[in-house]
PDB file of N, CA and C in Angstrom:
ATOM      1  N   MET A   1       2.781 -19.017 -43.625  1.00  0.00           N
ATOM      2  CA  MET A   1       2.057 -18.573 -42.438  1.00  0.00           C
ATOM      3  C   MET A   1       2.669 -19.179 -41.417  1.00  0.00           C
ATOM      4  N   ALA A   2       3.111 -18.496 -40.076  1.00  0.00           N
ATOM      5  CA  ALA A   2       3.791 -18.807 -39.105  1.00  0.00           C
ATOM      6  C   ALA A   2       2.877 -19.813 -38.262  1.00  0.00           C
ATOM      7  N   THR A   3       3.418 -20.859 -37.511  1.00  0.00           N
ATOM      8  CA  THR A   3       2.607 -21.708 -36.849  1.00  0.00           C
ATOM      9  C   THR A   3       2.706 -21.269 -35.303  1.00  0.00           C
ATOM     10  N   GLN A   4       1.942 -21.758 -34.194  1.00  0.00           N
ATOM     11  CA  GLN A   4       1.663 -21.232 -33.130  1.00  0.00           C
ATOM     12  C   GLN A   4       3.137 -21.232 -32.381  1.00  0.00           C
ATOM     13  N   PHE A   5       4.099 -22.360 -32.790  1.00  0.00           N
ATOM     14  CA  PHE A   5       5.159 -22.418 -31.998  1.00  0.00           C
ATOM     15  C   PHE A   5       6.204 -21.210 -32.220  1.00  0.00           C
ATOM     16  N   GLN A   6       5.920 -20.589 -33.462  1.00  0.00           N
ATOM     17  CA  GLN A   6       6.570 -19.662 -33.989  1.00  0.00           C
ATOM     18  C   GLN A   6       6.362 -18.127 -33.392  1.00  0.00           C
ATOM     19  N   ASP A   7       5.025 -18.262 -32.836  1.00  0.00           N
ATOM     20  CA  ASP A   7       4.591 -16.928 -32.294  1.00  0.00           C
ATOM     21  C   ASP A   7       5.290 -16.723 -31.032  1.00  0.00           C
ATOM     22  N   PHE A   8       5.594 -15.436 -30.882  1.00  0.00           N
ATOM     23  CA  PHE A   8       6.450 -14.984 -29.527  1.00  0.00           C
ATOM     24  C   PHE A   8       7.705 -15.988 -29.287  1.00  0.00           C
ATOM     25  N   ASP A   9       8.220 -16.275 -30.555  1.00  0.00           N
ATOM     26  CA  ASP A   9       9.623 -17.152 -30.234  1.00  0.00           C
ATOM     27  C   ASP A   9      10.512 -16.260 -29.611  1.00  0.00           C
ATOM     28  N   GLN A  10      11.318 -16.945 -28.910  1.00  0.00           N
ATOM     29  CA  GLN A  10      12.270 -16.436 -27.877  1.00  0.00           C
ATOM     30  C   GLN A  10      13.675 -17.349 -28.056  1.00  0.00           C
ATOM     31  N   LYS A  11      13.730 -18.230 -29.209  1.00  0.00           N
ATOM     32  CA  LYS A  11      14.924 -19.183 -29.620  1.00  0.00           C
ATOM     33  C   LYS A  11      15.283 -19.886 -28.341  1.00  0.00           C
ATOM     34  N   GLY A  12      14.171 -20.603 -27.554  1.00  0.00           N
ATOM     35  CA  GLY A  12      14.578 -21.698 -26.568  1.00  0.00           C
ATOM     36  C   GLY A  12      15.041 -20.969 -25.033  1.00  0.00           C
ATOM     37  N   ARG A  13      15.177 -19.690 -25.141  1.00  0.00           N
ATOM     38  CA  ARG A  13      15.725 -19.062 -23.946  1.00  0.00           C
ATOM     39  C   ARG A  13      14.860 -18.921 -22.918  1.00  0.00           C
ATOM     40  N   LYS A  14      14.613 -18.889 -21.647  1.00  0.00           N
ATOM     41  CA  LYS A  14      13.863 -18.958 -20.464  1.00  0.00           C
ATOM     42  C   LYS A  14      13.942 -17.485 -19.981  1.00  0.00           C
ATOM     43  N   PHE A  15      12.742 -16.893 -19.670  1.00  0.00           N
ATOM     44  CA  PHE A  15      12.735 -15.362 -19.181  1.00  0.00           C
ATOM     45  C   PHE A  15      12.505 -15.874 -17.736  1.00  0.00           C
ATOM     46  N   TRP A  16      13.294 -15.168 -16.789  1.00  0.00           N
ATOM     47  CA  TRP A  16      13.111 -15.672 -15.283  1.00  0.00           C
ATOM     48  C   TRP A  16      12.725 -14.293 -14.601  1.00  0.00           C
ATOM     49  N   GLY A  17      12.851 -13.116 -15.008  1.00  0.00           N
ATOM     50  CA  GLY A  17      12.374 -12.036 -14.533  1.00  0.00           C
ATOM     51  C   GLY A  17      13.021 -11.678 -13.084  1.00  0.00           C
ATOM     52  N   THR A  18      14.421 -12.120 -13.076  1.00  0.00           N
ATOM     53  CA  THR A  18      14.781 -12.028 -11.713  1.00  0.00           C
ATOM     54  C   THR A  18      15.347 -10.740 -11.165  1.00  0.00           C
ATOM     55  N   ASP A  19      15.054  -9.664 -12.162  1.00  0.00           N
ATOM     56  CA  ASP A  19      15.316  -8.314 -11.538  1.00  0.00           C
ATOM     57  C   ASP A  19      14.183  -7.844 -10.583  1.00  0.00           C
ATOM     58  N   HIS A  20      12.971  -8.453 -10.934  1.00  0.00           N
ATOM     59  CA  HIS A  20      11.625  -7.941 -10.148  1.00  0.00           C
ATOM     60  C   HIS A  20      11.403  -9.058  -9.089  1.00  0.00           C
ATOM     61  N   PHE A  21      11.610 -10.297  -9.594  1.00  0.00           N
ATOM     62  CA  PHE A  21      11.308 -11.401  -8.824  1.00  0.00           C
ATOM     63  C   PHE A  21      12.608 -12.453  -8.790  1.00  0.00           C
ATOM     64  N   PRO A  22      13.284 -12.273  -7.683  1.00  0.00           N
ATOM     65  CA  PRO A  22      14.467 -12.911  -7.479  1.00  0.00           C
ATOM     66  C   PRO A  22      14.501 -14.283  -7.271  1.00  0.00           C
ATOM     67  N   TYR A  23      13.509 -14.864  -6.896  1.00  0.00           N
ATOM     68  CA  TYR A  23      13.212 -16.212  -6.767  1.00  0.00           C
ATOM     69  C   TYR A  23      12.598 -16.943  -8.034  1.00  0.00           C
ATOM     70  N   GLY A  24      12.156 -16.099  -8.982  1.00  0.00           N
ATOM     71  CA  GLY A  24      11.329 -16.722 -10.015  1.00  0.00           C
ATOM     72  C   GLY A  24      10.015 -16.349  -9.974  1.00  0.00           C
ATOM     73  N   PHE A  25       9.395 -16.603 -11.121  1.00  0.00           N
ATOM     74  CA  PHE A  25       7.888 -16.456 -11.138  1.00  0.00           C
ATOM     75  C   PHE A  25       7.037 -17.396 -10.348  1.00  0.00           C
ATOM     76  N   ALA A  26       7.622 -18.464 -10.537  1.00  0.00           N
ATOM     77  CA  ALA A  26       6.758 -19.778  -9.861  1.00  0.00           C
ATOM     78  C   ALA A  26       6.826 -19.429  -8.204  1.00  0.00           C
ATOM     79  N   ARG A  27       7.964 -19.061  -7.867  1.00  0.00           N
ATOM     80  CA  ARG A  27       7.935 -19.118  -6.298  1.00  0.00           C
ATOM     81  C   ARG A  27       7.710 -17.749  -5.786  1.00  0.00           C
ATOM     82  N   SER A  28       7.220 -16.906  -6.692  1.00  0.00           N
ATOM     83  CA  SER A  28       6.776 -15.277  -6.251  1.00  0.00           C
ATOM     84  C   SER A  28       5.434 -15.628  -5.507  1.00  0.00           C
ATOM     85  N   GLY A  29       4.737 -16.435  -5.873  1.00  0.00           N
ATOM     86  CA  GLY A  29       3.358 -16.365  -5.295  1.00  0.00           C
ATOM     87  C   GLY A  29       2.304 -15.316  -5.877  1.00  0.00           C
ATOM     88  N   GLU A  30       2.863 -14.819  -7.140  1.00  0.00           N
ATOM     89  CA  GLU A  30       2.119 -13.641  -7.795  1.00  0.00           C
ATOM     90  C   GLU A  30       1.433 -14.276  -9.020  1.00  0.00           C
ATOM     91  N   PHE A  31       1.631 -15.242  -9.312  1.00  0.00           N
ATOM     92  CA  PHE A  31       1.334 -15.683 -10.860  1.00  0.00           C
ATOM     93  C   PHE A  31       0.668 -17.226 -10.799  1.00  0.00           C
ATOM     94  N   THR A  32      -0.393 -17.497 -11.477  1.00  0.00           N
ATOM     95  CA  THR A  32      -0.898 -18.800 -11.660  1.00  0.00           C
ATOM     96  C   THR A  32       0.373 -19.754 -12.648  1.00  0.00           C
ATOM     97  N   ARG A  33       0.026 -20.999 -12.600  1.00  0.00           N
ATOM     98  CA  ARG A  33       0.924 -21.903 -13.359  1.00  0.00           C
ATOM     99  C   ARG A  33       1.060 -21.609 -14.894  1.00  0.00           C
ATOM    100  N   GLU A  34      -0.174 -21.320 -15.401  1.00  0.00           N
ATOM    101  CA  GLU A  34      -0.427 -21.111 -16.860  1.00  0.00           C
ATOM    102  C   GLU A  34       0.471 -19.622 -17.157  1.00  0.00           C
ATOM    103  N   GLN A  35       0.354 -18.722 -16.292  1.00  0.00           N
ATOM    104  CA  GLN A  35       1.019 -17.323 -16.430  1.00  0.00           C
ATOM    105  C   GLN A  35       2.490 -17.568 -16.274  1.00  0.00           C
ATOM    106  N   VAL A  36       2.872 -18.503 -15.309  1.00  0.00           N
ATOM    107  CA  VAL A  36       4.493 -18.653 -15.220  1.00  0.00           C
ATOM    108  C   VAL A  36       4.993 -19.259 -16.430  1.00  0.00           C
ATOM    109  N   GLN A  37       4.190 -20.197 -17.086  1.00  0.00           N
ATOM    110  CA  GLN A  37       4.576 -20.835 -18.258  1.00  0.00           C
ATOM    111  C   GLN A  37       4.795 -19.946 -19.513  1.00  0.00           C
ATOM    112  N   LEU A  38       3.671 -18.951 -19.366  1.00  0.00           N
ATOM    113  CA  LEU A  38       3.809 -17.953 -20.644  1.00  0.00           C
ATOM    114  C   LEU A  38       4.946 -16.977 -20.436  1.00  0.00           C
ATOM    115  N   LEU A  39       5.148 -16.686 -19.324  1.00  0.00           N
ATOM    116  CA  LEU A  39       6.124 -15.689 -19.213  1.00  0.00           C
ATOM    117  C   LEU A  39       7.625 -16.236 -19.213  1.00  0.00           C
ATOM    118  N   GLU A  40       7.827 -17.462 -18.797  1.00  0.00           N
ATOM    119  CA  GLU A  40       9.017 -18.208 -18.899  1.00  0.00           C
ATOM    120  C   GLU A  40       9.338 -18.343 -20.316  1.00  0.00           C
ATOM    121  N   ASN A  41       8.135 -18.828 -20.988  1.00  0.00           N
ATOM    122  CA  ASN A  41       8.364 -19.312 -22.443  1.00  0.00           C
ATOM    123  C   ASN A  41       8.515 -18.129 -23.528  1.00  0.00           C
ATOM    124  N   HIS A  42       7.889 -17.087 -23.104  1.00  0.00           N
ATOM    125  CA  HIS A  42       7.750 -15.976 -24.209  1.00  0.00           C
ATOM    126  C   HIS A  42       8.095 -14.635 -23.690  1.00  0.00           C
ATOM    127  N   GLY A  43       8.571 -14.608 -22.374  1.00  0.00           N
ATOM    128  CA  GLY A  43       8.891 -13.132 -21.760  1.00  0.00           C
ATOM    129  C   GLY A  43       9.921 -12.486 -22.600  1.00  0.00           C
ATOM    130  N   TYR A  44      11.151 -12.916 -23.054  1.00  0.00           N
ATOM    131  CA  TYR A  44      12.065 -12.219 -23.852  1.00  0.00           C
ATOM    132  C   TYR A  44      11.413 -11.791 -25.168  1.00  0.00           C
ATOM    133  N   ALA A  45      10.365 -12.322 -25.654  1.00  0.00           N
ATOM    134  CA  ALA A  45       9.725 -11.995 -27.002  1.00  0.00           C
ATOM    135  C   ALA A  45       8.684 -10.750 -26.686  1.00  0.00           C
ATOM    136  N   TYR A  46       8.146 -10.908 -25.471  1.00  0.00           N
ATOM    137  CA  TYR A  46       7.183  -9.832 -24.925  1.00  0.00           C
ATOM    138  C   TYR A  46       8.010  -8.680 -24.884  1.00  0.00           C
ATOM    139  N   LEU A  47       9.155  -8.819 -23.994  1.00  0.00           N
ATOM    140  CA  LEU A  47       9.949  -7.622 -23.769  1.00  0.00           C
ATOM    141  C   LEU A  47      10.341  -6.847 -25.265  1.00  0.00           C
ATOM    142  N   ALA A  48      11.090  -7.722 -26.021  1.00  0.00           N
ATOM    143  CA  ALA A  48      11.520  -7.262 -27.228  1.00  0.00           C
ATOM    144  C   ALA A  48      10.420  -6.690 -28.018  1.00  0.00           C
ATOM    145  N   LEU A  49       9.237  -7.243 -28.043  1.00  0.00           N
ATOM    146  CA  LEU A  49       8.122  -6.461 -29.014  1.00  0.00           C
ATOM    147  C   LEU A  49       7.784  -4.980 -28.320  1.00  0.00           C
ATOM    148  N   ALA A  50       7.632  -5.151 -26.996  1.00  0.00           N
ATOM    149  CA  ALA A  50       7.015  -4.052 -26.288  1.00  0.00           C
ATOM    150  C   ALA A  50       8.200  -2.833 -26.413  1.00  0.00           C
ATOM    151  N   SER A  51       9.490  -3.110 -26.427  1.00  0.00           N
ATOM    152  CA  SER A  51      10.394  -1.993 -26.402  1.00  0.00           C
ATOM    153  C   SER A  51      10.752  -1.787 -27.933  1.00  0.00           C
ATOM    154  N   GLY A  52      10.350  -2.366 -28.885  1.00  0.00           N
ATOM    155  CA  GLY A  52      10.440  -2.061 -30.239  1.00  0.00           C
ATOM    156  C   GLY A  52      11.751  -2.455 -30.899  1.00  0.00           C
ATOM    157  N   GLU A  53      12.577  -3.598 -29.972  1.00  0.00           N
ATOM    158  CA  GLU A  53      13.677  -4.018 -30.541  1.00  0.00           C
ATOM    159  C   GLU A  53      13.589  -5.137 -31.379  1.00  0.00           C
ATOM    160  N   ARG A  54      12.355  -5.619 -31.553  1.00  0.00           N
ATOM    161  CA  ARG A  54      11.895  -6.670 -32.421  1.00  0.00           C
ATOM    162  C   ARG A  54      10.541  -6.220 -33.075  1.00  0.00           C
ATOM    163  N   THR A  55      10.517  -6.584 -34.609  1.00  0.00           N
ATOM    164  CA  THR A  55       9.399  -6.318 -35.489  1.00  0.00           C
ATOM    165  C   THR A  55       8.347  -7.429 -35.260  1.00  0.00           C
ATOM    166  N   PRO A  56       7.055  -7.165 -35.146  1.00  0.00           N
ATOM    167  CA  PRO A  56       6.107  -8.471 -35.054  1.00  0.00           C
ATOM    168  C   PRO A  56       6.125  -9.098 -36.366  1.00  0.00           C
ATOM    169  N   VAL A  57       6.215 -10.574 -36.204  1.00  0.00           N
ATOM    170  CA  VAL A  57       6.034 -11.545 -37.551  1.00  0.00           C
ATOM    171  C   VAL A  57       4.766 -11.985 -37.631  1.00  0.00           C
ATOM    172  N   THR A  58       3.872 -12.253 -36.776  1.00  0.00           N
ATOM    173  CA  THR A  58       2.483 -12.832 -36.984  1.00  0.00           C
ATOM    174  C   THR A  58       1.424 -11.757 -36.517  1.00  0.00           C
ATOM    175  N   PRO A  59       0.379 -11.977 -36.855  1.00  0.00           N
ATOM    176  CA  PRO A  59      -0.750 -11.047 -36.549  1.00  0.00           C
ATOM    177  C   PRO A  59      -1.015 -11.013 -35.213  1.00  0.00           C
ATOM    178  N   GLU A  60      -0.747 -12.141 -34.445  1.00  0.00           N
ATOM    179  CA  GLU A  60      -1.046 -12.109 -32.912  1.00  0.00           C
ATOM    180  C   GLU A  60       0.184 -11.105 -32.350  1.00  0.00           C
ATOM    181  N   GLU A  61       1.487 -11.242 -32.949  1.00  0.00           N
ATOM    182  CA  GLU A  61       2.262 -10.405 -32.360  1.00  0.00           C
ATOM    183  C   GLU A  61       2.103  -8.842 -32.835  1.00  0.00           C
ATOM    184  N   GLN A  62       1.509  -8.576 -33.806  1.00  0.00           N
ATOM    185  CA  GLN A  62       0.951  -7.125 -34.287  1.00  0.00           C
ATOM    186  C   GLN A  62       0.248  -6.614 -33.408  1.00  0.00           C
ATOM    187  N   GLU A  63      -0.921  -7.406 -33.074  1.00  0.00           N
ATOM    188  CA  GLU A  63      -1.878  -7.133 -32.052  1.00  0.00           C
ATOM    189  C   GLU A  63      -1.191  -6.712 -30.563  1.00  0.00           C
ATOM    190  N   PHE A  64      -0.170  -7.704 -30.256  1.00  0.00           N
ATOM    191  CA  PHE A  64       0.411  -7.412 -28.871  1.00  0.00           C
ATOM    192  C   PHE A  64       1.029  -6.021 -28.998  1.00  0.00           C
ATOM    193  N   VAL A  65       1.820  -5.643 -29.989  1.00  0.00           N
ATOM    194  CA  VAL A  65       2.319  -4.359 -30.103  1.00  0.00           C
ATOM    195  C   VAL A  65       1.277  -3.318 -29.982  1.00  0.00           C
ATOM    196  N   LYS A  66       0.247  -3.515 -30.878  1.00  0.00           N
ATOM    197  CA  LYS A  66      -0.826  -2.397 -30.562  1.00  0.00           C
ATOM    198  C   LYS A  66      -1.330  -2.206 -29.010  1.00  0.00           C
ATOM    199  N   TYR A  67      -1.379  -3.489 -28.488  1.00  0.00           N
ATOM    200  CA  TYR A  67      -1.805  -3.270 -26.847  1.00  0.00           C
ATOM    201  C   TYR A  67      -0.529  -2.674 -26.168  1.00  0.00           C
ATOM    202  N   CYS A  68       0.586  -2.807 -26.537  1.00  0.00           N
ATOM    203  CA  CYS A  68       1.766  -2.249 -25.905  1.00  0.00           C
ATOM    204  C   CYS A  68       1.815  -0.422 -25.976  1.00  0.00           C
ATOM    205  N   LEU A  69       1.379  -0.094 -27.217  1.00  0.00           N
ATOM    206  CA  LEU A  69       1.566   1.099 -27.465  1.00  0.00           C
ATOM    207  C   LEU A  69       0.095   1.761 -27.008  1.00  0.00           C
ATOM    208  N   GLY A  70      -0.686   1.219 -26.448  1.00  0.00           N
ATOM    209  CA  GLY A  70      -1.901   1.676 -25.828  1.00  0.00           C
ATOM    210  C   GLY A  70      -3.192   1.734 -26.892  1.00  0.00           C
ATOM    211  N   GLU A  71      -3.178   1.161 -27.880  1.00  0.00           N
ATOM    212  CA  GLU A  71      -4.066   1.366 -28.815  1.00  0.00           C
ATOM    213  C   GLU A  71      -5.426   0.407 -28.564  1.00  0.00           C
ATOM    214  N   LYS A  72      -5.100  -0.316 -27.800  1.00  0.00           N
ATOM    215  CA  LYS A  72      -6.170  -1.336 -27.667  1.00  0.00           C
ATOM    216  C   LYS A  72      -6.151  -1.857 -26.017  1.00  0.00           C
ATOM    217  N   GLU A  73      -7.078  -2.544 -25.491  1.00  0.00           N
ATOM    218  CA  GLU A  73      -6.957  -3.179 -24.047  1.00  0.00           C
ATOM    219  C   GLU A  73      -6.464  -4.587 -24.291  1.00  0.00           C
ATOM    220  N   PRO A  74      -5.954  -5.348 -23.257  1.00  0.00           N
ATOM    221  CA  PRO A  74      -5.444  -6.533 -23.395  1.00  0.00           C
ATOM    222  C   PRO A  74      -6.427  -7.561 -23.398  1.00  0.00           C
ATOM    223  N   GLN A  75      -6.542  -8.429 -24.729  1.00  0.00           N
ATOM    224  CA  GLN A  75      -7.387  -9.487 -25.048  1.00  0.00           C
ATOM    225  C   GLN A  75      -7.045 -10.869 -25.072  1.00  0.00           C
ATOM    226  N   SER A  76      -5.692 -11.125 -25.876  1.00  0.00           N
ATOM    227  CA  SER A  76      -5.188 -12.303 -25.648  1.00  0.00           C
ATOM    228  C   SER A  76      -4.498 -12.673 -24.403  1.00  0.00           C
ATOM    229  N   ARG A  77      -4.197 -13.953 -24.351  1.00  0.00           N
ATOM    230  CA  ARG A  77      -3.477 -14.401 -23.153  1.00  0.00           C
ATOM    231  C   ARG A  77      -2.216 -13.921 -22.989  1.00  0.00           C
ATOM    232  N   HIS A  78      -1.495 -13.554 -24.278  1.00  0.00           N
ATOM    233  CA  HIS A  78      -0.317 -12.964 -24.106  1.00  0.00           C
ATOM    234  C   HIS A  78      -0.249 -11.609 -23.627  1.00  0.00           C
ATOM    235  N   GLU A  79      -1.369 -10.753 -24.110  1.00  0.00           N
ATOM    236  CA  GLU A  79      -1.441  -9.593 -23.748  1.00  0.00           C
ATOM    237  C   GLU A  79      -1.802  -9.366 -22.177  1.00  0.00           C
ATOM    238  N   LYS A  80      -2.664 -10.124 -21.863  1.00  0.00           N
ATOM    239  CA  LYS A  80      -3.107 -10.335 -20.468  1.00  0.00           C
ATOM    240  C   LYS A  80      -1.975 -10.538 -19.440  1.00  0.00           C
ATOM    241  N   VAL A  81      -1.282 -11.452 -19.620  1.00  0.00           N
ATOM    242  CA  VAL A  81      -0.178 -11.897 -18.858  1.00  0.00           C
ATOM    243  C   VAL A  81       0.885 -10.982 -18.802  1.00  0.00           C
ATOM    244  N   TRP A  82       1.103 -10.084 -19.897  1.00  0.00           N
ATOM    245  CA  TRP A  82       2.276  -9.225 -20.206  1.00  0.00           C
ATOM    246  C   TRP A  82       1.705  -8.023 -19.206  1.00  0.00           C
ATOM    247  N   ALA A  83       0.424  -7.578 -19.191  1.00  0.00           N
ATOM    248  CA  ALA A  83      -0.225  -6.629 -18.342  1.00  0.00           C
ATOM    249  C   ALA A  83      -0.043  -7.041 -17.006  1.00  0.00           C
ATOM    250  N   ILE A  84      -0.259  -8.279 -16.404  1.00  0.00           N
ATOM    251  CA  ILE A  84       0.019  -8.545 -15.276  1.00  0.00           C
ATOM    252  C   ILE A  84       1.249  -8.385 -14.810  1.00  0.00           C
ATOM    253  N   PHE A  85       2.266  -8.993 -15.716  1.00  0.00           N
ATOM    254  CA  PHE A  85       3.752  -8.703 -15.145  1.00  0.00           C
ATOM    255  C   PHE A  85       4.091  -7.214 -15.073  1.00  0.00           C
ATOM    256  N   GLN A  86       3.610  -6.472 -16.073  1.00  0.00           N
ATOM    257  CA  GLN A  86       3.984  -5.024 -15.935  1.00  0.00           C
ATOM    258  C   GLN A  86       3.497  -4.421 -14.653  1.00  0.00           C
ATOM    259  N   LYS A  87       2.228  -4.780 -14.100  1.00  0.00           N
ATOM    260  CA  LYS A  87       1.565  -4.390 -13.011  1.00  0.00           C
ATOM    261  C   LYS A  87       2.402  -4.549 -11.845  1.00  0.00           C
ATOM    262  N   LYS A  88       2.687  -5.863 -11.920  1.00  0.00           N
ATOM    263  CA  LYS A  88       3.329  -6.540 -10.467  1.00  0.00           C
ATOM    264  C   LYS A  88       4.896  -6.176 -10.584  1.00  0.00           C
ATOM    265  N   SER A  89       5.386  -5.832 -11.641  1.00  0.00           N
ATOM    266  CA  SER A  89       6.819  -5.588 -11.572  1.00  0.00           C
ATOM    267  C   SER A  89       7.012  -4.147 -11.393  1.00  0.00           C
ATOM    268  N   SER A  90       6.034  -3.296 -11.538  1.00  0.00           N
ATOM    269  CA  SER A  90       6.168  -1.867 -11.162  1.00  0.00           C
ATOM    270  C   SER A  90       5.671  -1.203  -9.893  1.00  0.00           C
ATOM    271  N   ARG A  91       5.355  -2.282  -9.087  1.00  0.00           N
ATOM    272  CA  ARG A  91       4.845  -1.951  -7.684  1.00  0.00           C
ATOM    273  C   ARG A  91       6.095  -1.513  -6.968  1.00  0.00           C
ATOM    274  N   ASN A  92       5.916  -0.563  -5.722  1.00  0.00           N
ATOM    275  CA  ASN A  92       6.953  -0.176  -4.991  1.00  0.00           C
ATOM    276  C   ASN A  92       6.781  -1.337  -3.786  1.00  0.00           C
ATOM    277  N   VAL A  93       8.074  -1.581  -3.567  1.00  0.00           N
ATOM    278  CA  VAL A  93       8.152  -2.766  -2.509  1.00  0.00           C
ATOM    279  C   VAL A  93       8.413  -2.017  -1.145  1.00  0.00           C
ATOM    280  N   VAL A  94       7.766  -2.364  -0.209  1.00  0.00           N
ATOM    281  CA  VAL A  94       8.122  -1.771   1.270  1.00  0.00           C
ATOM    282  C   VAL A  94       8.788  -2.942   1.972  1.00  0.00           C
ATOM    283  N   PHE A  95       9.889  -2.649   2.491  1.00  0.00           N
ATOM    284  CA  PHE A  95      10.721  -3.448   3.563  1.00  0.00           C
ATOM    285  C   PHE A  95      10.538  -2.823   4.816  1.00  0.00           C
ATOM    286  N   VAL A  96      10.087  -3.707   5.626  1.00  0.00           N
ATOM    287  CA  VAL A  96       9.934  -3.352   7.075  1.00  0.00           C
ATOM    288  C   VAL A  96      11.199  -3.989   7.982  1.00  0.00           C
ATOM    289  N   SER A  97      11.766  -2.890   8.682  1.00  0.00           N
ATOM    290  CA  SER A  97      12.844  -3.476   9.488  1.00  0.00           C
ATOM    291  C   SER A  97      12.498  -3.319  10.913  1.00  0.00           C
ATOM    292  N   LEU A  98      12.778  -4.369  11.930  1.00  0.00           N
ATOM    293  CA  LEU A  98      12.144  -4.481  12.968  1.00  0.00           C
ATOM    294  C   LEU A  98      13.572  -3.935  13.962  1.00  0.00           C
ATOM    295  N   GLY A  99      14.605  -3.350  13.338  1.00  0.00           N
ATOM    296  CA  GLY A  99      15.788  -2.792  14.173  1.00  0.00           C
ATOM    297  C   GLY A  99      15.505  -1.531  14.483  1.00  0.00           C
ATOM    298  N   ALA A 100      16.497  -0.783  14.374  1.00  0.00           N
ATOM    299  CA  ALA A 100      16.622   0.909  14.682  1.00  0.00           C
ATOM    300  C   ALA A 100      15.904   1.615  13.632  1.00  0.00           C
ATOM    301  N   SER A 101      15.318   2.805  14.232  1.00  0.00           N
ATOM    302  CA  SER A 101      14.517   3.812  13.288  1.00  0.00           C
ATOM    303  C   SER A 101      15.723   4.283  12.344  1.00  0.00           C
ATOM    304  N   SER A 102      15.266   4.902  11.290  1.00  0.00           N
ATOM    305  CA  SER A 102      16.028   5.529  10.226  1.00  0.00           C
ATOM    306  C   SER A 102      16.824   6.609  10.806  1.00  0.00           C
ATOM    307  N   ASN A 103      16.268   7.273  11.972  1.00  0.00           N
ATOM    308  CA  ASN A 103      16.545   8.470  12.586  1.00  0.00           C
ATOM    309  C   ASN A 103      18.050   8.144  13.353  1.00  0.00           C
ATOM    310  N   ASP A 104      18.235   6.831  13.887  1.00  0.00           N
ATOM    311  CA  ASP A 104      19.286   6.699  14.772  1.00  0.00           C
ATOM    312  C   ASP A 104      20.331   6.108  14.009  1.00  0.00           C
ATOM    313  N   ASP A 105      21.598   6.980  14.211  1.00  0.00           N
ATOM    314  CA  ASP A 105      22.801   6.682  13.343  1.00  0.00           C
ATOM    315  C   ASP A 105      23.498   5.437  13.992  1.00  0.00           C
ATOM    316  N   ASP A 106      23.342   5.222  15.243  1.00  0.00           N
ATOM    317  CA  ASP A 106      24.060   4.157  15.876  1.00  0.00           C
ATOM    318  C   ASP A 106      22.995   2.820  16.225  1.00  0.00           C
ATOM    319  N   GLY A 107      21.743   3.184  16.104  1.00  0.00           N
ATOM    320  CA  GLY A 107      20.927   2.046  16.230  1.00  0.00           C
ATOM    321  C   GLY A 107      20.254   1.960  17.769  1.00  0.00           C
ATOM    322  N   VAL A 108      20.799   2.918  18.505  1.00  0.00           N
ATOM    323  CA  VAL A 108      20.454   2.787  19.959  1.00  0.00           C
ATOM    324  C   VAL A 108      19.524   3.987  20.291  1.00  0.00           C
ATOM    325  N   SER A 109      18.394   3.689  20.953  1.00  0.00           N
ATOM    326  CA  SER A 109      17.574   4.639  21.093  1.00  0.00           C
ATOM    327  C   SER A 109      17.891   5.469  22.396  1.00  0.00           C
ATOM    328  N   SER A 110      17.645   6.885  22.132  1.00  0.00           N
ATOM    329  CA  SER A 110      18.237   7.709  23.482  1.00  0.00           C
ATOM    330  C   SER A 110      17.229   7.970  24.428  1.00  0.00           C
ATOM    331  N   GLU A 111      15.971   7.526  24.254  1.00  0.00           N
ATOM    332  CA  GLU A 111      14.920   7.514  25.325  1.00  0.00           C
ATOM    333  C   GLU A 111      14.915   6.081  26.200  1.00  0.00           C
ATOM    334  N   PRO A 112      15.026   6.320  27.515  1.00  0.00           N
ATOM    335  CA  PRO A 112      14.728   5.088  28.478  1.00  0.00           C
ATOM    336  C   PRO A 112      13.296   4.817  28.318  1.00  0.00           C
ATOM    337  N   PHE A 113      13.045   3.427  28.652  1.00  0.00           N
ATOM    338  CA  PHE A 113      11.948   3.014  28.655  1.00  0.00           C
ATOM    339  C   PHE A 113      11.754   2.021  29.895  1.00  0.00           C
ATOM    340  N   ASP A 114      10.651   1.623  30.397  1.00  0.00           N
ATOM    341  CA  ASP A 114      10.384   0.900  31.497  1.00  0.00           C
ATOM    342  C   ASP A 114       9.686  -0.329  30.885  1.00  0.00           C
ATOM    343  N   VAL A 115      10.537  -1.482  31.179  1.00  0.00           N
ATOM    344  CA  VAL A 115       9.775  -2.934  30.731  1.00  0.00           C
ATOM    345  C   VAL A 115       8.586  -3.024  31.184  1.00  0.00           C
ATOM    346  N   GLU A 116       8.329  -2.611  32.574  1.00  0.00           N
ATOM    347  CA  GLU A 116       7.078  -2.844  33.258  1.00  0.00           C
ATOM    348  C   GLU A 116       5.890  -2.279  32.643  1.00  0.00           C
ATOM    349  N   GLU A 117       6.064  -1.380  31.785  1.00  0.00           N
ATOM    350  CA  GLU A 117       4.912  -0.652  31.200  1.00  0.00           C
ATOM    351  C   GLU A 117       4.275  -1.572  30.030  1.00  0.00           C
ATOM    352  N   PHE A 118       4.882  -2.494  29.544  1.00  0.00           N
ATOM    353  CA  PHE A 118       4.459  -3.249  28.535  1.00  0.00           C
ATOM    354  C   PHE A 118       3.710  -4.568  29.158  1.00  0.00           C
TER     355      PHE A 118
END
């Protein structure tokens, strides 16, 4: 029988998630310390199991795959943290620019304004 250390094994590689969190999970402010540890230590295993690249070895991994297939709600800490990661990494990010509007090609406003009005 597999030990706890073999569950969700990713052979010592750290999962940083820099595609969605360029400064890492810990610096994103989106995750708790426990969630950061789970994602960093097991993220590659979660990704491989969710995509079908890896077959589940333990009963806990089999339950994780069932969650990923939509057959059950997240119950274990692995399932819950993966659900949180999926939700936060699929959000649309809005960037705000304080410069020119998107309609201005040269970035210069064609309408005059009076500074005294402000």
